[in-house]
Protein backbone atom coordinates (compact mmCIF):
# COMPACT_ATOMS: atom_id res chain seq x y z
CA UNK A 1 14.92 -23.42 33.52
CA UNK A 2 17.33 -25.45 35.65
CA UNK A 3 19.99 -25.44 32.98
CA UNK A 4 19.53 -21.80 31.98
CA UNK A 5 21.77 -19.09 33.46
CA UNK A 6 20.52 -15.69 34.55
CA UNK A 7 23.84 -13.86 34.86
CA UNK A 8 22.57 -10.45 33.76
CA UNK A 9 19.51 -10.65 35.99
CA UNK A 10 21.69 -11.77 38.88
CA UNK A 11 24.04 -8.85 38.26
CA UNK A 12 21.19 -6.38 38.32
CA UNK A 13 19.72 -8.03 41.44
CA UNK A 14 23.04 -7.73 43.22
CA UNK A 15 23.34 -4.04 42.42
CA UNK A 16 19.74 -3.36 43.59
CA UNK A 17 20.24 -5.33 46.81
CA UNK A 18 23.38 -3.40 47.64
CA UNK A 19 21.68 -0.08 46.89
CA UNK A 20 18.63 -1.17 48.93
CA UNK A 21 20.80 -2.07 51.95
CA UNK A 22 22.54 1.33 51.89
CA UNK A 23 19.30 3.10 51.42
CA UNK A 24 17.78 1.33 54.39
CA UNK A 25 20.75 2.54 56.49
CA UNK A 26 20.27 6.02 55.14
CA UNK A 27 16.55 5.91 56.07
CA UNK A 28 17.46 5.31 59.75
CA UNK A 29 18.58 8.94 60.00
CA UNK A 30 14.97 10.14 59.79
CA UNK A 31 13.98 7.69 62.52
CA UNK A 32 16.84 8.84 64.70
CA UNK A 33 15.84 12.51 64.31
CA UNK A 34 12.23 11.66 65.17
CA UNK A 35 13.35 9.78 68.32
CA UNK A 36 15.60 12.73 69.36
CA UNK A 37 12.70 15.20 68.84
CA UNK A 38 10.34 12.97 70.79
CA UNK A 39 12.68 12.96 73.78
CA UNK A 40 12.98 16.69 73.63
CA UNK A 41 9.24 16.96 73.73
CA UNK A 42 8.96 14.65 76.72
CA UNK A 43 11.60 16.72 78.53
CA UNK A 44 9.54 19.82 77.95
CA UNK A 45 6.60 18.23 79.70
CA UNK A 46 8.64 16.53 82.48
CA UNK A 47 8.12 17.68 86.07
CA UNK A 48 10.05 14.95 87.77
CA UNK A 49 13.72 15.39 88.52
CA UNK A 50 14.64 11.68 88.31
CA UNK A 51 12.75 11.25 85.05
CA UNK A 52 14.35 14.47 83.71
CA UNK A 53 17.86 13.08 84.47
CA UNK A 54 16.97 9.85 82.65
CA UNK A 55 15.57 11.78 79.66
CA UNK A 56 18.71 13.92 79.59
CA UNK A 57 20.83 10.76 79.25
CA UNK A 58 18.48 9.47 76.53
CA UNK A 59 18.73 12.78 74.74
CA UNK A 60 22.56 12.79 74.84
CA UNK A 61 22.65 9.27 73.29
CA UNK A 62 20.02 10.28 70.75
CA UNK A 63 21.90 13.44 69.75
CA UNK A 64 25.08 11.38 69.29
CA UNK A 65 23.22 8.90 67.13
CA UNK A 66 21.88 11.70 64.88
CA UNK A 67 25.29 13.34 64.60
CA UNK A 68 26.93 10.07 63.53
CA UNK A 69 24.22 9.30 61.07
CA UNK A 70 24.26 12.85 59.62
CA UNK A 71 28.07 12.49 59.17
CA UNK A 72 27.60 9.22 57.28
CA UNK A 73 24.74 10.56 55.09
CA UNK A 74 26.86 12.13 52.29
CA UNK A 75 28.98 8.98 51.95
CA UNK A 76 25.91 6.73 51.83
CA UNK A 77 24.25 8.92 49.19
CA UNK A 78 27.41 8.89 47.13
CA UNK A 79 27.70 5.10 47.41
CA UNK A 80 24.07 4.58 46.38
CA UNK A 81 24.47 6.97 43.43
CA UNK A 82 27.64 5.13 42.42
CA UNK A 83 25.84 1.79 42.49
CA UNK A 84 22.95 3.08 40.45
CA UNK A 85 24.97 5.12 37.99
CA UNK A 86 24.90 2.34 35.38
CA UNK A 87 21.64 0.84 36.43
CA UNK A 88 19.80 1.67 33.20
CA UNK A 89 22.22 -0.38 31.08
CA UNK A 90 22.26 -3.23 33.63
CA UNK A 91 18.44 -3.16 33.81
CA UNK A 92 18.12 -3.26 30.01
CA UNK A 93 20.46 -6.29 29.93
CA UNK A 94 18.48 -8.05 32.64
CA UNK A 95 15.06 -7.35 30.97
CA UNK A 96 16.45 -8.55 27.63
CA UNK A 97 17.77 -11.73 29.21
CA UNK A 98 14.35 -12.41 30.83
CA UNK A 99 12.60 -11.98 27.52
CA UNK A 100 15.05 -14.29 25.79
CA UNK A 101 14.44 -16.99 28.45
CA UNK A 102 10.73 -16.72 27.92
CA UNK A 103 11.07 -16.95 24.10
CA UNK A 104 13.38 -19.93 24.32
CA UNK A 105 10.99 -21.61 26.72
CA UNK A 106 8.50 -21.88 23.87
CA UNK A 107 10.89 -23.32 21.30
CA UNK A 108 9.94 -26.97 21.87
CA UNK A 109 6.27 -26.27 21.25
CA UNK A 110 6.90 -24.18 18.15
CA UNK A 111 9.28 -26.77 16.69
CA UNK A 112 6.81 -29.52 17.39
CA UNK A 113 4.01 -27.55 15.79
CA UNK A 114 6.12 -26.82 12.69
CA UNK A 115 6.90 -30.53 12.27
CA UNK A 116 3.24 -31.45 12.75
CA UNK A 117 2.06 -28.97 10.05
CA UNK A 118 4.76 -30.24 7.65
CA UNK A 119 3.56 -33.80 8.23
CA UNK A 120 0.07 -33.09 6.91
CA UNK A 121 0.98 -30.86 3.99
CA UNK A 122 1.12 -33.86 1.64
CA UNK A 123 -2.45 -34.68 2.41
CA UNK A 124 -4.40 -31.45 2.64
CA UNK A 125 -7.79 -33.17 2.28
CA UNK A 126 -7.08 -35.66 5.10
CA UNK A 127 -9.37 -35.35 8.08
CA UNK A 128 -6.35 -35.35 10.26
CA UNK A 129 -5.54 -31.86 8.95
CA UNK A 130 -8.35 -30.58 11.20
CA UNK A 131 -6.73 -32.22 14.13
CA UNK A 132 -3.42 -30.64 13.24
CA UNK A 133 -5.12 -27.21 13.04
CA UNK A 134 -6.52 -27.79 16.50
CA UNK A 135 -3.09 -28.63 17.78
CA UNK A 136 -1.77 -25.47 16.21
CA UNK A 137 -4.28 -23.36 17.99
CA UNK A 138 -3.41 -25.04 21.30
CA UNK A 139 0.34 -24.72 20.69
CA UNK A 140 -0.13 -20.97 20.26
CA UNK A 141 -0.99 -20.87 24.02
CA UNK A 142 2.72 -21.04 24.85
CA UNK A 143 3.33 -17.98 22.64
CA UNK A 144 0.36 -16.22 24.27
CA UNK A 145 1.85 -16.98 27.66
CA UNK A 146 5.27 -15.69 26.44
CA UNK A 147 3.70 -12.50 24.99
CA UNK A 148 1.96 -11.91 28.32
CA UNK A 149 5.27 -12.01 30.14
CA UNK A 150 6.89 -9.75 27.55
CA UNK A 151 4.03 -7.25 27.96
CA UNK A 152 4.35 -7.38 31.74
CA UNK A 153 8.07 -6.60 31.54
CA UNK A 154 7.39 -3.69 29.15
CA UNK A 155 4.80 -2.31 31.54
CA UNK A 156 7.20 -2.64 34.43
CA UNK A 157 10.10 -0.93 32.71
CA UNK A 158 11.33 1.77 35.11
CA UNK A 159 12.57 4.05 32.42
CA UNK A 160 13.61 7.55 33.51
CA UNK A 161 12.86 6.71 37.17
CA UNK A 162 16.27 5.04 37.34
CA UNK A 163 17.83 8.36 36.47
CA UNK A 164 15.81 10.42 38.89
CA UNK A 165 17.65 12.99 41.03
CA UNK A 166 15.84 11.58 44.04
CA UNK A 167 17.62 8.49 45.39
CA UNK A 168 14.41 7.21 46.90
CA UNK A 169 12.81 7.12 43.45
CA UNK A 170 15.77 5.42 41.91
CA UNK A 171 15.88 2.71 44.52
CA UNK A 172 12.11 2.23 44.38
CA UNK A 173 12.19 1.86 40.62
CA UNK A 174 14.98 -0.56 40.74
CA UNK A 175 13.20 -2.69 43.30
CA UNK A 176 10.03 -2.63 41.19
CA UNK A 177 12.05 -3.81 38.16
CA UNK A 178 13.41 -6.73 40.22
CA UNK A 179 9.92 -7.69 41.25
CA UNK A 180 8.85 -7.80 37.56
CA UNK A 181 11.82 -9.94 36.66
CA UNK A 182 11.12 -12.30 39.53
CA UNK A 183 7.48 -12.61 38.38
CA UNK A 184 8.71 -13.59 34.87
CA UNK A 185 11.23 -16.14 36.32
CA UNK A 186 8.42 -17.59 38.40
CA UNK A 187 6.26 -18.01 35.30
CA UNK A 188 8.92 -19.78 33.26
CA UNK A 189 8.42 -23.27 34.68
CA UNK A 190 4.74 -23.17 33.65
CA UNK A 191 5.59 -21.98 30.18
CA UNK A 192 8.25 -24.68 29.76
CA UNK A 193 5.88 -27.36 31.03
CA UNK A 194 3.16 -26.24 28.57
CA UNK A 195 5.69 -26.21 25.77
CA UNK A 196 6.90 -29.72 26.52
CA UNK A 197 3.32 -30.97 26.80
CA UNK A 198 2.48 -29.52 23.38
CA UNK A 199 5.63 -30.92 21.81
CA UNK A 200 4.71 -34.33 23.15
CA UNK A 201 1.18 -34.02 21.77
CA UNK A 202 2.52 -33.05 18.35
CA UNK A 203 4.94 -35.96 18.35
CA UNK A 204 2.12 -38.36 19.26
CA UNK A 205 0.00 -36.96 16.47
CA UNK A 206 2.80 -37.39 13.93
CA UNK A 207 3.24 -41.03 15.01
CA UNK A 208 -0.52 -41.65 14.56
CA UNK A 209 -0.38 -40.08 11.11
CA UNK A 210 2.63 -42.11 10.12
CA UNK A 211 1.18 -45.39 11.28
CA UNK A 212 -2.43 -44.97 10.23
């Protein structure tokens, strides 16, 4: 995978990261409101003048924080919506790129298998045909691994969640999609290694068949 680009996945990841950062900032408003309300509750129970003065100062700062964050909320929501407005198309492109990477990772094994099968076609009764058949069964493992990754991506497809009216659901769906893409990228080296191993095995078999 070292020589393969992931421009579409990277573009989607960048969008999701930006939206996630803004959403995390937006989420601090709820925490600020809870802190303000907690201070108010403590003031109601307070019977000490010095403590009351301290709590009053804490409440003033907490109120200012809430006011500032409430003022920023509409802009943050608009910015997040703007970032995610084209997320469906970007996500489709990223998932398609991931599937293509997985499919290409199996090419060496499939090509090696095809060459091996062609090498025994002229001698269908040769005992080495059985060995070639076994190789074929083993080479299919790379395709099985690829199909498993394709299925995982299909299962993780966020679909309409990316177009939800709730920003929390949109951001959550986008993050889940990134997690699925990362899992596929993490699986690529194993698929590529298996494909290369099978290609080498097929090549070795063809050499044995040629030099028997």
